[in-house]
Amino acid sequence: MKAPNKDKTTMTAAGLPDTELFSVERGYTRRGLLGLGLGSAAALAGCAPPQTTQQFVAETSPLFRSTANPDSGLVRRTPYYDAMYAAKLDEQFPLPAIPYEEINPVYLRQEVADPTGEVPGTLVVDTADRFLYLVREDGLALRYGVGIGRDGFAWSGRAIVQWKQEWPKWTPPASMIERQPELERWSAANGGMPPGLDNPLGARALYIFQDGVDTLYRVHGSPEYKSIGKAVSSGCVRLINQDVCDLYDRVPTRTPILVV
């Protein structure tokens, strides 16, 4: 699956950027994640049809700036996203609001036609396009933008969410401490890094096990919202804190996960 080419942008009659970034019919149905071997692309019986381009334009065209604007492609502030990425003051450590207009809109949380062919309830991480999908029963999926591991630190395969935790403590593995000795203060022997707004695991963490063994990889929140859509982590899958809180409430333990 190729990353969107932001340099090849034309405008549709509706004023929406006509690129692979925003095209529903050319994006969700054509791509289908077939090249990633995510399973059968056969439609599920009784599934809702994919959202049409016309529906997509009608629902989202107010969100996008004109390409004549230097900020083209950024999201306009809307009540919908204001609520989604608002401050969460009832948290153990109150989360600040996210300036989502600074994030590429393709990485904001949204409902899409399921492109994976996986069993409903499965998490699928598409590392090529920087998306995490939660497959639903109705032929749709919730899609979240993610940051992934940089070259040499990525992990892939099938596994499960063995357990999950709110405001987790972070304990860097020994291999990371070898690369970054300054992290020794947060080693297991020293009790790890306590939870908080600066903790690398953010507000929530899902712990990934394979065949009963901890992979040491996590799906977790991050205060670094500008890292979403990039390959910068030490292998883990990071989400905006507000997004990982939403995902956490939807995903039980033993949930299957596929990372490709």
Protein backbone atom coordinates (compact mmCIF):
# COMPACT_ATOMS: atom_id res chain seq x y z
CA MET A 1 0.00 0.00 0.00
CA LYS A 2 1.61 3.23 -1.14
CA ALA A 3 1.66 6.30 1.01
CA PRO A 4 -0.45 9.18 -0.33
CA ASN A 5 1.37 11.51 -2.74
CA LYS A 6 0.60 14.98 -1.48
CA ASP A 7 2.24 16.63 -4.50
CA LYS A 8 -0.33 15.35 -7.02
CA THR A 9 -3.42 17.24 -5.91
CA THR A 10 -6.23 18.39 -8.17
CA MET A 11 -9.64 19.65 -7.19
CA THR A 12 -12.97 17.98 -7.79
CA ALA A 13 -16.08 19.90 -8.78
CA ALA A 14 -17.09 19.81 -5.13
CA GLY A 15 -13.89 21.56 -4.10
CA LEU A 16 -12.41 18.49 -2.40
CA PRO A 17 -8.76 17.58 -3.05
CA ASP A 18 -8.90 14.72 -5.58
CA THR A 19 -6.02 12.61 -4.31
CA GLU A 20 -5.55 9.12 -2.95
CA LEU A 21 -5.61 10.81 0.45
CA PHE A 22 -9.29 11.66 0.24
CA SER A 23 -10.77 9.42 -2.48
CA VAL A 24 -13.18 6.89 -1.07
CA GLU A 25 -13.97 4.88 -4.19
CA ARG A 26 -10.34 4.76 -5.34
CA GLY A 27 -9.03 4.49 -1.81
CA TYR A 28 -11.03 2.05 0.23
CA THR A 29 -12.31 -0.27 -2.50
CA ARG A 30 -9.32 -0.32 -4.85
CA ARG A 31 -6.63 -0.60 -2.22
CA GLY A 32 -8.44 -3.15 -0.09
CA LEU A 33 -5.16 -4.02 1.65
CA LEU A 34 -4.84 -6.98 -0.73
CA GLY A 35 -1.17 -6.31 -1.26
CA LEU A 36 -0.59 -6.69 2.45
CA GLY A 37 -2.12 -10.17 2.65
CA LEU A 38 -4.65 -9.25 5.28
CA GLY A 39 -7.11 -11.96 4.34
CA SER A 40 -10.00 -12.41 1.98
CA ALA A 41 -11.36 -9.32 0.27
CA ALA A 42 -14.75 -10.94 -0.24
CA ALA A 43 -17.61 -8.79 1.00
CA LEU A 44 -19.38 -9.98 4.13
CA ALA A 45 -23.01 -11.02 3.59
CA GLY A 46 -25.42 -8.32 4.67
CA CYS A 47 -22.68 -5.72 5.10
CA ALA A 48 -23.40 -2.05 4.58
CA PRO A 49 -22.13 -0.82 1.19
CA PRO A 50 -18.99 1.33 1.12
CA GLN A 51 -19.53 5.03 1.58
CA THR A 52 -19.85 6.73 -1.80
CA THR A 53 -17.74 9.64 -2.96
CA GLN A 54 -20.86 11.81 -2.96
CA GLN A 55 -21.60 10.95 0.68
CA PHE A 56 -17.99 11.56 1.65
CA VAL A 57 -17.94 14.97 -0.03
CA ALA A 58 -21.25 15.97 1.52
CA GLU A 59 -20.09 15.01 5.01
CA THR A 60 -16.52 16.25 4.93
CA SER A 61 -16.12 18.99 2.36
CA PRO A 62 -16.60 21.73 4.99
CA LEU A 63 -13.55 20.36 6.81
CA PHE A 64 -10.92 21.02 4.15
CA ARG A 65 -9.25 24.25 3.16
CA SER A 66 -8.90 25.39 -0.43
CA THR A 67 -5.72 24.31 -2.20
CA ALA A 68 -5.12 28.00 -2.95
CA ASN A 69 -4.56 28.45 0.77
CA PRO A 70 -1.02 27.83 2.12
CA ASP A 71 -2.61 25.65 4.79
CA SER A 72 -4.37 23.48 2.21
CA GLY A 73 -5.15 20.01 3.50
CA LEU A 74 -5.41 21.05 7.12
CA VAL A 75 -8.71 20.62 8.90
CA ARG A 76 -10.93 23.55 9.71
CA ARG A 77 -12.08 23.61 13.32
CA THR A 78 -15.52 22.03 13.60
CA PRO A 79 -17.80 21.21 16.55
CA TYR A 80 -17.46 17.52 15.67
CA TYR A 81 -13.68 17.42 16.00
CA ASP A 82 -13.67 20.00 18.79
CA ALA A 83 -15.62 17.49 20.89
CA MET A 84 -13.54 14.51 19.76
CA TYR A 85 -10.21 16.10 20.65
CA ALA A 86 -11.32 18.28 23.57
CA ALA A 87 -9.52 18.35 26.90
CA LYS A 88 -10.35 15.39 29.16
CA LEU A 89 -10.46 16.94 32.60
CA ASP A 90 -11.85 13.87 34.37
CA GLU A 91 -8.66 11.87 33.82
CA GLN A 92 -6.18 11.01 36.57
CA PHE A 93 -3.88 13.41 34.75
CA PRO A 94 -6.13 15.87 32.87
CA LEU A 95 -5.41 15.72 29.16
CA PRO A 96 -5.09 18.98 27.23
CA ALA A 97 -7.09 19.55 24.06
CA ILE A 98 -5.37 18.53 20.83
CA PRO A 99 -4.85 21.24 18.16
CA TYR A 100 -6.10 18.81 15.55
CA GLU A 101 -5.99 21.43 12.80
CA GLU A 102 -2.21 20.88 12.84
CA ILE A 103 -2.62 17.19 11.93
CA ASN A 104 -3.13 15.80 8.45
CA PRO A 105 -6.91 15.13 8.36
CA VAL A 106 -6.50 11.60 7.03
CA TYR A 107 -5.09 10.62 10.44
CA LEU A 108 -8.04 11.87 12.47
CA ARG A 109 -10.39 9.27 13.91
CA GLN A 110 -13.15 8.34 11.48
CA GLU A 111 -15.47 5.57 10.35
CA VAL A 112 -14.61 3.99 6.99
CA ALA A 113 -15.52 0.97 4.90
CA ASP A 114 -13.51 -1.97 6.24
CA PRO A 115 -10.62 -2.64 3.83
CA THR A 116 -9.07 -5.54 5.75
CA GLY A 117 -11.30 -8.60 5.34
CA GLU A 118 -10.50 -9.53 8.94
CA VAL A 119 -12.97 -10.94 11.47
CA PRO A 120 -15.04 -8.28 13.28
CA GLY A 121 -13.41 -7.26 16.54
CA THR A 122 -9.88 -7.58 15.12
CA LEU A 123 -7.34 -4.79 15.33
CA VAL A 124 -5.31 -4.30 12.16
CA VAL A 125 -2.29 -2.01 12.03
CA ASP A 126 -1.36 -0.91 8.51
CA THR A 127 2.19 0.30 8.99
CA ALA A 128 2.57 1.41 5.37
CA ASP A 129 -0.23 3.95 5.54
CA ARG A 130 -0.03 4.59 9.32
CA PHE A 131 -3.54 3.45 10.20
CA LEU A 132 -5.03 1.28 12.92
CA TYR A 133 -8.40 -0.30 12.10
CA LEU A 134 -10.91 -1.73 14.55
CA VAL A 135 -13.04 -4.02 12.39
CA ARG A 136 -16.77 -3.85 13.10
CA GLU A 137 -19.72 -6.14 12.44
CA ASP A 138 -21.39 -3.89 9.86
CA GLY A 139 -18.76 -3.90 7.12
CA LEU A 140 -17.23 -0.74 8.52
CA ALA A 141 -14.18 -0.05 10.63
CA LEU A 142 -13.04 2.66 12.97
CA ARG A 143 -9.78 4.06 11.66
CA TYR A 144 -7.19 5.83 13.79
CA GLY A 145 -4.02 7.52 12.65
CA VAL A 146 -0.88 6.10 14.26
CA GLY A 147 2.84 6.59 14.55
CA ILE A 148 4.95 3.46 14.08
CA GLY A 149 8.45 2.11 14.69
CA ARG A 150 11.31 3.57 12.71
CA ASP A 151 13.42 1.37 10.45
CA GLY A 152 14.98 -1.49 12.36
CA PHE A 153 12.54 -1.26 15.26
CA ALA A 154 9.27 -2.40 13.69
CA TRP A 155 7.39 -5.57 14.58
CA SER A 156 4.77 -7.43 12.56
CA GLY A 157 2.65 -10.53 12.87
CA ARG A 158 -0.49 -11.87 14.53
CA ALA A 159 -0.89 -11.64 18.27
CA ILE A 160 -3.42 -10.69 20.95
CA VAL A 161 -4.02 -7.90 23.42
CA GLN A 162 -3.05 -9.82 26.56
CA TRP A 163 -3.88 -7.02 28.96
CA LYS A 164 -4.40 -3.28 29.04
CA GLN A 165 -3.85 -0.50 31.51
CA GLU A 166 -4.94 3.06 32.18
CA TRP A 167 -2.11 5.52 32.83
CA PRO A 168 0.59 2.84 32.67
CA LYS A 169 4.04 2.93 34.14
CA TRP A 170 6.79 2.80 31.53
CA THR A 171 9.77 0.47 31.91
CA PRO A 172 12.23 0.66 29.01
CA PRO A 173 13.61 -2.75 28.01
CA ALA A 174 17.26 -3.54 28.59
CA SER A 175 18.02 -3.28 24.86
CA MET A 176 16.74 0.29 24.83
CA ILE A 177 18.76 1.19 27.90
CA GLU A 178 21.87 -0.16 26.17
CA ARG A 179 21.24 2.26 23.30
CA GLN A 180 20.24 5.11 25.58
CA PRO A 181 22.05 4.79 28.93
CA GLU A 182 20.29 7.90 30.25
CA LEU A 183 17.14 5.76 30.55
CA GLU A 184 18.73 3.65 33.29
CA ARG A 185 16.91 5.78 35.87
CA TRP A 186 13.63 4.26 34.60
CA SER A 187 14.84 0.65 34.51
CA ALA A 188 12.86 -2.18 36.10
CA ALA A 189 15.36 -2.24 38.94
CA ASN A 190 14.60 1.42 39.60
CA GLY A 191 10.85 0.99 39.47
CA GLY A 192 10.16 2.36 35.99
CA MET A 193 8.79 5.75 35.01
CA PRO A 194 5.58 6.68 36.84
CA PRO A 195 2.46 7.54 34.86
CA GLY A 196 1.84 11.11 33.81
CA LEU A 197 1.49 13.48 30.90
CA ASP A 198 5.16 13.07 29.97
CA ASN A 199 5.15 9.27 30.16
CA PRO A 200 5.91 7.82 26.68
CA LEU A 201 2.99 5.37 26.97
CA GLY A 202 0.48 8.16 27.39
CA ALA A 203 -2.97 7.72 28.88
CA ARG A 204 -3.57 4.07 27.95
CA ALA A 205 -1.61 1.03 26.80
CA LEU A 206 -2.53 -2.30 25.19
CA TYR A 207 0.10 -5.00 25.78
CA ILE A 208 0.76 -7.29 22.83
CA PHE A 209 1.59 -10.97 23.42
CA GLN A 210 2.32 -13.67 20.85
CA ASP A 211 2.00 -17.35 21.80
CA GLY A 212 1.90 -16.37 25.46
CA VAL A 213 5.11 -14.34 25.27
CA ASP A 214 5.31 -10.58 25.72
CA THR A 215 6.48 -9.06 22.44
CA LEU A 216 7.49 -5.89 24.35
CA TYR A 217 5.45 -3.92 21.81
CA ARG A 218 2.47 -1.82 22.80
CA VAL A 219 -0.41 0.09 21.30
CA HIS A 220 -0.38 3.21 23.42
CA GLY A 221 -1.09 6.90 23.70
CA SER A 222 1.41 9.66 23.20
CA PRO A 223 1.60 13.34 24.11
CA GLU A 224 3.48 13.89 20.83
CA TYR A 225 0.48 14.32 18.55
CA LYS A 226 2.67 15.63 15.72
CA SER A 227 4.35 12.21 15.50
CA ILE A 228 1.13 10.62 14.21
CA GLY A 229 1.61 9.47 10.63
CA LYS A 230 5.37 9.12 11.08
CA ALA A 231 7.86 6.33 11.77
CA VAL A 232 9.61 7.56 14.88
CA SER A 233 8.97 5.16 17.76
CA SER A 234 10.97 2.21 19.08
CA GLY A 235 8.58 -0.22 17.45
CA CYS A 236 5.37 0.50 19.33
CA VAL A 237 2.17 1.82 17.77
CA ARG A 238 1.28 5.24 19.15
CA LEU A 239 -2.00 7.13 18.98
CA ILE A 240 -3.22 10.55 20.03
CA ASN A 241 -4.15 10.28 23.72
CA GLN A 242 -7.82 11.05 23.04
CA ASP A 243 -7.85 8.32 20.39
CA VAL A 244 -6.22 5.68 22.56
CA CYS A 245 -8.76 6.42 25.31
CA ASP A 246 -11.54 5.80 22.78
CA LEU A 247 -9.91 2.60 21.52
CA TYR A 248 -9.23 1.33 25.04
CA ASP A 249 -12.94 1.46 25.91
CA ARG A 250 -13.84 -0.54 22.78
CA VAL A 251 -11.24 -3.32 22.98
CA PRO A 252 -11.40 -6.16 25.53
CA THR A 253 -8.46 -8.32 26.51
CA ARG A 254 -7.74 -11.27 24.19
CA THR A 255 -8.59 -9.11 21.17
CA PRO A 256 -6.70 -10.40 18.10
CA ILE A 257 -4.33 -7.97 16.45
CA LEU A 258 -2.57 -8.11 13.09
CA VAL A 259 0.37 -5.81 12.36
CA VAL A 260 1.53 -5.70 8.73
